[in-house]
Amino acid sequence: ITALRSLGALAQNAADYESARGLMGESIALAQKLGNVEAQANTYLSLGNVALDIGDHEEAEANYRLSRDLSEGLSDTLGYAYAIDNLSVSAWHRGDLDEAERLADEVMELYEELDLAGGRANVWHRRCLVAIERGQLETAEAEGLRALAVRERHGEDRGASFVLYDLARVSLMRRDMVRARERL
């Protein structure tokens, strides 16, 4: 089950979305056959990410909701949190800033309960992105810097690079080319 999902994730990373969907579909079918609800929840989350990559928000959110509901049934707080977090990402992608923010606030409570620094960094970065869209540059900067500090402290170079890119956008909006260049 996990191997199929992992192969699907590798296909997704190679932008082979058809193969990713097929492999993850096989993973879900096997998980259902074996009654492994946790594996189903995890794979629906991954399948949602594939749909999000290709811009199909409706499919992404349907998969995230399935993952959320299955995780809730298992009392899997972490799985539930990841599903809510991804619903927030999808809402931001479709431009529903209020929903993205509402879901970010909901998942922040869960990440606090789980004491998950990386999860909190996800939310702070999302709040940065929402603030950028709203033109709230002070808030964007503050939230982005909070996210960046966690990413750097935990050696998450890839995550830090995404935050730095968005902080550079804030600098560009302020017409601070020196700071934007430093961040880029």
C-alpha atoms as a PDB file:
ATOM      1  CA  ILE A   1       0.000   0.000   0.000  1.00  0.00           C
ATOM      2  CA  THR A   2       2.699   2.453   1.059  1.00  0.00           C
ATOM      3  CA  ALA A   3       4.959   1.431  -1.831  1.00  0.00           C
ATOM      4  CA  LEU A   4       2.205   2.166  -4.355  1.00  0.00           C
ATOM      5  CA  ARG A   5       1.506   5.542  -2.753  1.00  0.00           C
ATOM      6  CA  SER A   6       5.238   6.336  -2.701  1.00  0.00           C
ATOM      7  CA  LEU A   7       5.614   5.372  -6.364  1.00  0.00           C
ATOM      8  CA  GLY A   8       2.648   7.636  -7.070  1.00  0.00           C
ATOM      9  CA  ALA A   9       4.360  10.496  -5.241  1.00  0.00           C
ATOM     10  CA  LEU A  10       7.506   9.938  -7.302  1.00  0.00           C
ATOM     11  CA  ALA A  11       5.425  10.049 -10.488  1.00  0.00           C
ATOM     12  CA  GLN A  12       3.797  13.253  -9.221  1.00  0.00           C
ATOM     13  CA  ASN A  13       7.213  14.806  -8.613  1.00  0.00           C
ATOM     14  CA  ALA A  14       8.108  13.926 -12.213  1.00  0.00           C
ATOM     15  CA  ALA A  15       4.857  15.616 -13.372  1.00  0.00           C
ATOM     16  CA  ASP A  16       3.489  12.257 -14.580  1.00  0.00           C
ATOM     17  CA  TYR A  17       0.073  12.888 -13.089  1.00  0.00           C
ATOM     18  CA  GLU A  18      -1.713  10.097 -14.927  1.00  0.00           C
ATOM     19  CA  SER A  19       0.679   7.502 -13.487  1.00  0.00           C
ATOM     20  CA  ALA A  20       0.483   9.153 -10.072  1.00  0.00           C
ATOM     21  CA  ARG A  21      -3.303   8.891 -10.069  1.00  0.00           C
ATOM     22  CA  GLY A  22      -3.184   5.282 -11.239  1.00  0.00           C
ATOM     23  CA  LEU A  23      -0.680   4.170  -8.617  1.00  0.00           C
ATOM     24  CA  MET A  24      -2.482   5.990  -5.828  1.00  0.00           C
ATOM     25  CA  GLY A  25      -5.780   4.545  -7.013  1.00  0.00           C
ATOM     26  CA  GLU A  26      -4.250   1.072  -6.744  1.00  0.00           C
ATOM     27  CA  SER A  27      -3.029   1.937  -3.250  1.00  0.00           C
ATOM     28  CA  ILE A  28      -6.528   2.984  -2.172  1.00  0.00           C
ATOM     29  CA  ALA A  29      -8.119  -0.131  -3.689  1.00  0.00           C
ATOM     30  CA  LEU A  30      -5.656  -2.377  -1.850  1.00  0.00           C
ATOM     31  CA  ALA A  31      -6.127  -0.447   1.397  1.00  0.00           C
ATOM     32  CA  GLN A  32      -9.902  -0.814   1.076  1.00  0.00           C
ATOM     33  CA  LYS A  33      -9.566  -4.543   0.369  1.00  0.00           C
ATOM     34  CA  LEU A  34      -7.373  -4.971   3.451  1.00  0.00           C
ATOM     35  CA  GLY A  35      -9.501  -2.654   5.597  1.00  0.00           C
ATOM     36  CA  ASN A  36      -6.585  -0.292   6.241  1.00  0.00           C
ATOM     37  CA  VAL A  37      -8.407   2.964   6.869  1.00  0.00           C
ATOM     38  CA  GLU A  38      -5.270   4.892   7.843  1.00  0.00           C
ATOM     39  CA  ALA A  39      -3.627   4.017   4.521  1.00  0.00           C
ATOM     40  CA  GLN A  40      -6.774   5.124   2.708  1.00  0.00           C
ATOM     41  CA  ALA A  41      -6.732   8.468   4.530  1.00  0.00           C
ATOM     42  CA  ASN A  42      -3.039   8.992   3.743  1.00  0.00           C
ATOM     43  CA  THR A  43      -3.487   8.122   0.086  1.00  0.00           C
ATOM     44  CA  TYR A  44      -6.537  10.348  -0.360  1.00  0.00           C
ATOM     45  CA  LEU A  45      -4.393  13.173   1.001  1.00  0.00           C
ATOM     46  CA  SER A  46      -1.693  12.387  -1.573  1.00  0.00           C
ATOM     47  CA  LEU A  47      -4.267  12.076  -4.342  1.00  0.00           C
ATOM     48  CA  GLY A  48      -5.574  15.502  -3.366  1.00  0.00           C
ATOM     49  CA  ASN A  49      -2.075  16.891  -3.783  1.00  0.00           C
ATOM     50  CA  VAL A  50      -1.913  15.482  -7.318  1.00  0.00           C
ATOM     51  CA  ALA A  51      -5.217  17.143  -8.174  1.00  0.00           C
ATOM     52  CA  LEU A  52      -4.015  20.416  -6.652  1.00  0.00           C
ATOM     53  CA  ASP A  53      -0.851  20.262  -8.783  1.00  0.00           C
ATOM     54  CA  ILE A  54      -2.949  20.157 -11.940  1.00  0.00           C
ATOM     55  CA  GLY A  55      -5.301  22.882 -10.724  1.00  0.00           C
ATOM     56  CA  ASP A  56      -8.371  20.706 -10.126  1.00  0.00           C
ATOM     57  CA  HIS A  57      -9.503  22.259  -6.850  1.00  0.00           C
ATOM     58  CA  GLU A  58     -12.808  20.427  -6.779  1.00  0.00           C
ATOM     59  CA  GLU A  59     -11.121  17.014  -6.978  1.00  0.00           C
ATOM     60  CA  ALA A  60      -8.371  18.071  -4.575  1.00  0.00           C
ATOM     61  CA  GLU A  61     -10.833  19.242  -1.958  1.00  0.00           C
ATOM     62  CA  ALA A  62     -13.013  16.140  -2.352  1.00  0.00           C
ATOM     63  CA  ASN A  63      -9.953  13.971  -1.645  1.00  0.00           C
ATOM     64  CA  TYR A  64      -8.861  16.155   1.265  1.00  0.00           C
ATOM     65  CA  ARG A  65     -12.350  15.901   2.770  1.00  0.00           C
ATOM     66  CA  LEU A  66     -12.260  12.093   2.419  1.00  0.00           C
ATOM     67  CA  SER A  67      -8.876  12.054   4.142  1.00  0.00           C
ATOM     68  CA  ARG A  68     -10.158  14.383   6.866  1.00  0.00           C
ATOM     69  CA  ASP A  69     -13.253  12.286   7.516  1.00  0.00           C
ATOM     70  CA  LEU A  70     -11.354   8.980   7.598  1.00  0.00           C
ATOM     71  CA  SER A  71      -8.717  10.489   9.915  1.00  0.00           C
ATOM     72  CA  GLU A  72     -11.401  11.857  12.198  1.00  0.00           C
ATOM     73  CA  GLY A  73     -12.999   8.400  12.363  1.00  0.00           C
ATOM     74  CA  LEU A  74      -9.647   6.995  13.490  1.00  0.00           C
ATOM     75  CA  SER A  75      -9.096   9.834  15.997  1.00  0.00           C
ATOM     76  CA  ASP A  76      -5.912  10.561  14.023  1.00  0.00           C
ATOM     77  CA  THR A  77      -5.335  14.190  14.958  1.00  0.00           C
ATOM     78  CA  LEU A  78      -2.236  14.537  12.786  1.00  0.00           C
ATOM     79  CA  GLY A  79      -3.916  13.101   9.685  1.00  0.00           C
ATOM     80  CA  TYR A  80      -6.939  15.303  10.347  1.00  0.00           C
ATOM     81  CA  ALA A  81      -4.679  18.353  10.704  1.00  0.00           C
ATOM     82  CA  TYR A  82      -2.872  17.629   7.433  1.00  0.00           C
ATOM     83  CA  ALA A  83      -6.192  17.376   5.611  1.00  0.00           C
ATOM     84  CA  ILE A  84      -7.411  20.694   7.060  1.00  0.00           C
ATOM     85  CA  ASP A  85      -4.068  22.308   6.217  1.00  0.00           C
ATOM     86  CA  ASN A  86      -4.327  21.139   2.612  1.00  0.00           C
ATOM     87  CA  LEU A  87      -7.923  22.363   2.381  1.00  0.00           C
ATOM     88  CA  SER A  88      -6.560  25.751   3.439  1.00  0.00           C
ATOM     89  CA  VAL A  89      -3.891  25.595   0.722  1.00  0.00           C
ATOM     90  CA  SER A  90      -6.520  24.775  -1.890  1.00  0.00           C
ATOM     91  CA  ALA A  91      -8.763  27.620  -0.719  1.00  0.00           C
ATOM     92  CA  TRP A  92      -5.806  30.011  -1.038  1.00  0.00           C
ATOM     93  CA  HIS A  93      -5.045  28.699  -4.541  1.00  0.00           C
ATOM     94  CA  ARG A  94      -8.625  29.335  -5.630  1.00  0.00           C
ATOM     95  CA  GLY A  95      -8.522  32.833  -4.171  1.00  0.00           C
ATOM     96  CA  ASP A  96     -10.896  32.273  -1.255  1.00  0.00           C
ATOM     97  CA  LEU A  97      -8.769  34.136   1.269  1.00  0.00           C
ATOM     98  CA  ASP A  98     -11.386  34.116   4.026  1.00  0.00           C
ATOM     99  CA  GLU A  99     -11.738  30.320   3.853  1.00  0.00           C
ATOM    100  CA  ALA A 100      -7.964  29.857   3.631  1.00  0.00           C
ATOM    101  CA  GLU A 101      -7.555  31.972   6.749  1.00  0.00           C
ATOM    102  CA  ARG A 102     -10.404  30.275   8.635  1.00  0.00           C
ATOM    103  CA  LEU A 103      -8.959  26.828   7.929  1.00  0.00           C
ATOM    104  CA  ALA A 104      -5.442  28.030   8.800  1.00  0.00           C
ATOM    105  CA  ASP A 105      -6.728  29.207  12.180  1.00  0.00           C
ATOM    106  CA  GLU A 106      -8.468  25.864  12.730  1.00  0.00           C
ATOM    107  CA  VAL A 107      -5.379  23.832  11.905  1.00  0.00           C
ATOM    108  CA  MET A 108      -3.112  26.097  13.957  1.00  0.00           C
ATOM    109  CA  GLU A 109      -4.995  24.987  17.074  1.00  0.00           C
ATOM    110  CA  LEU A 110      -4.279  21.371  16.139  1.00  0.00           C
ATOM    111  CA  TYR A 111      -0.610  22.035  15.428  1.00  0.00           C
ATOM    112  CA  GLU A 112      -0.338  23.788  18.788  1.00  0.00           C
ATOM    113  CA  GLU A 113      -1.946  20.767  20.475  1.00  0.00           C
ATOM    114  CA  LEU A 114       0.463  18.429  18.651  1.00  0.00           C
ATOM    115  CA  ASP A 115       3.411  20.780  19.258  1.00  0.00           C
ATOM    116  CA  LEU A 116       4.325  20.499  15.585  1.00  0.00           C
ATOM    117  CA  ALA A 117       6.695  23.327  14.647  1.00  0.00           C
ATOM    118  CA  GLY A 118       6.627  22.517  10.936  1.00  0.00           C
ATOM    119  CA  GLY A 119       2.847  22.684  10.932  1.00  0.00           C
ATOM    120  CA  ARG A 120       2.883  26.060  12.632  1.00  0.00           C
ATOM    121  CA  ALA A 121       5.387  27.238   9.995  1.00  0.00           C
ATOM    122  CA  ASN A 122       2.959  26.085   7.286  1.00  0.00           C
ATOM    123  CA  VAL A 123       0.228  28.230   8.797  1.00  0.00           C
ATOM    124  CA  TRP A 124       2.455  31.272   9.281  1.00  0.00           C
ATOM    125  CA  HIS A 125       3.545  31.001   5.644  1.00  0.00           C
ATOM    126  CA  ARG A 126      -0.074  30.725   4.525  1.00  0.00           C
ATOM    127  CA  ARG A 127      -0.966  33.783   6.592  1.00  0.00           C
ATOM    128  CA  CYS A 128       1.920  35.561   4.871  1.00  0.00           C
ATOM    129  CA  LEU A 129       0.487  34.622   1.475  1.00  0.00           C
ATOM    130  CA  VAL A 130      -3.020  35.741   2.414  1.00  0.00           C
ATOM    131  CA  ALA A 131      -1.654  39.043   3.734  1.00  0.00           C
ATOM    132  CA  ILE A 132       0.286  39.583   0.478  1.00  0.00           C
ATOM    133  CA  GLU A 133      -2.933  39.123  -1.500  1.00  0.00           C
ATOM    134  CA  ARG A 134      -4.663  41.639   0.752  1.00  0.00           C
ATOM    135  CA  GLY A 135      -1.797  44.133   0.525  1.00  0.00           C
ATOM    136  CA  GLN A 136      -1.115  43.849   4.280  1.00  0.00           C
ATOM    137  CA  LEU A 137       2.652  44.014   3.997  1.00  0.00           C
ATOM    138  CA  GLU A 138       3.462  44.373   7.705  1.00  0.00           C
ATOM    139  CA  THR A 139       1.477  41.249   8.516  1.00  0.00           C
ATOM    140  CA  ALA A 140       2.940  39.395   5.537  1.00  0.00           C
ATOM    141  CA  GLU A 141       6.476  40.235   6.655  1.00  0.00           C
ATOM    142  CA  ALA A 142       5.866  39.261  10.285  1.00  0.00           C
ATOM    143  CA  GLU A 143       4.192  35.948   9.474  1.00  0.00           C
ATOM    144  CA  GLY A 144       6.762  35.108   6.804  1.00  0.00           C
ATOM    145  CA  LEU A 145       9.642  35.777   9.189  1.00  0.00           C
ATOM    146  CA  ARG A 146       8.054  33.505  11.817  1.00  0.00           C
ATOM    147  CA  ALA A 147       7.768  30.717   9.235  1.00  0.00           C
ATOM    148  CA  LEU A 148      11.309  31.304   7.996  1.00  0.00           C
ATOM    149  CA  ALA A 149      12.772  31.087  11.501  1.00  0.00           C
ATOM    150  CA  VAL A 150      11.239  27.632  12.002  1.00  0.00           C
ATOM    151  CA  ARG A 151      12.314  26.393   8.579  1.00  0.00           C
ATOM    152  CA  GLU A 152      15.887  27.555   9.139  1.00  0.00           C
ATOM    153  CA  ARG A 153      16.034  26.235  12.713  1.00  0.00           C
ATOM    154  CA  HIS A 154      14.942  22.793  11.498  1.00  0.00           C
ATOM    155  CA  GLY A 155      17.229  22.759   8.453  1.00  0.00           C
ATOM    156  CA  GLU A 156      14.304  22.762   6.019  1.00  0.00           C
ATOM    157  CA  ASP A 157      16.075  24.402   3.097  1.00  0.00           C
ATOM    158  CA  ARG A 158      13.326  23.733   0.555  1.00  0.00           C
ATOM    159  CA  GLY A 159      10.625  25.156   2.822  1.00  0.00           C
ATOM    160  CA  ALA A 160      12.836  28.117   3.713  1.00  0.00           C
ATOM    161  CA  SER A 161      13.382  28.885   0.033  1.00  0.00           C
ATOM    162  CA  PHE A 162       9.624  29.134  -0.575  1.00  0.00           C
ATOM    163  CA  VAL A 163       9.225  31.513   2.355  1.00  0.00           C
ATOM    164  CA  LEU A 164      12.204  33.614   1.234  1.00  0.00           C
ATOM    165  CA  TYR A 165      10.666  33.891  -2.230  1.00  0.00           C
ATOM    166  CA  ASP A 166       7.440  35.241  -0.758  1.00  0.00           C
ATOM    167  CA  LEU A 167       9.305  37.592   1.563  1.00  0.00           C
ATOM    168  CA  ALA A 168      11.132  38.875  -1.536  1.00  0.00           C
ATOM    169  CA  ARG A 169       7.702  39.555  -3.063  1.00  0.00           C
ATOM    170  CA  VAL A 170       6.873  41.662   0.008  1.00  0.00           C
ATOM    171  CA  SER A 171      10.122  43.587  -0.468  1.00  0.00           C
ATOM    172  CA  LEU A 172       9.309  44.158  -4.138  1.00  0.00           C
ATOM    173  CA  MET A 173       5.867  45.453  -3.221  1.00  0.00           C
ATOM    174  CA  ARG A 174       7.626  47.908  -0.910  1.00  0.00           C
ATOM    175  CA  ARG A 175      10.032  48.760  -3.733  1.00  0.00           C
ATOM    176  CA  ASP A 176      12.955  47.664  -1.564  1.00  0.00           C
ATOM    177  CA  MET A 177      15.082  46.147  -4.323  1.00  0.00           C
ATOM    178  CA  VAL A 178      18.121  45.595  -2.111  1.00  0.00           C
ATOM    179  CA  ARG A 179      16.164  43.473   0.393  1.00  0.00           C
ATOM    180  CA  ALA A 180      14.334  41.644  -2.404  1.00  0.00           C
ATOM    181  CA  ARG A 181      17.646  40.758  -4.044  1.00  0.00           C
ATOM    182  CA  GLU A 182      19.075  39.520  -0.717  1.00  0.00           C
ATOM    183  CA  ARG A 183      16.069  37.303  -0.150  1.00  0.00           C
ATOM    184  CA  LEU A 184      16.096  35.942  -3.665  1.00  0.00           C
END
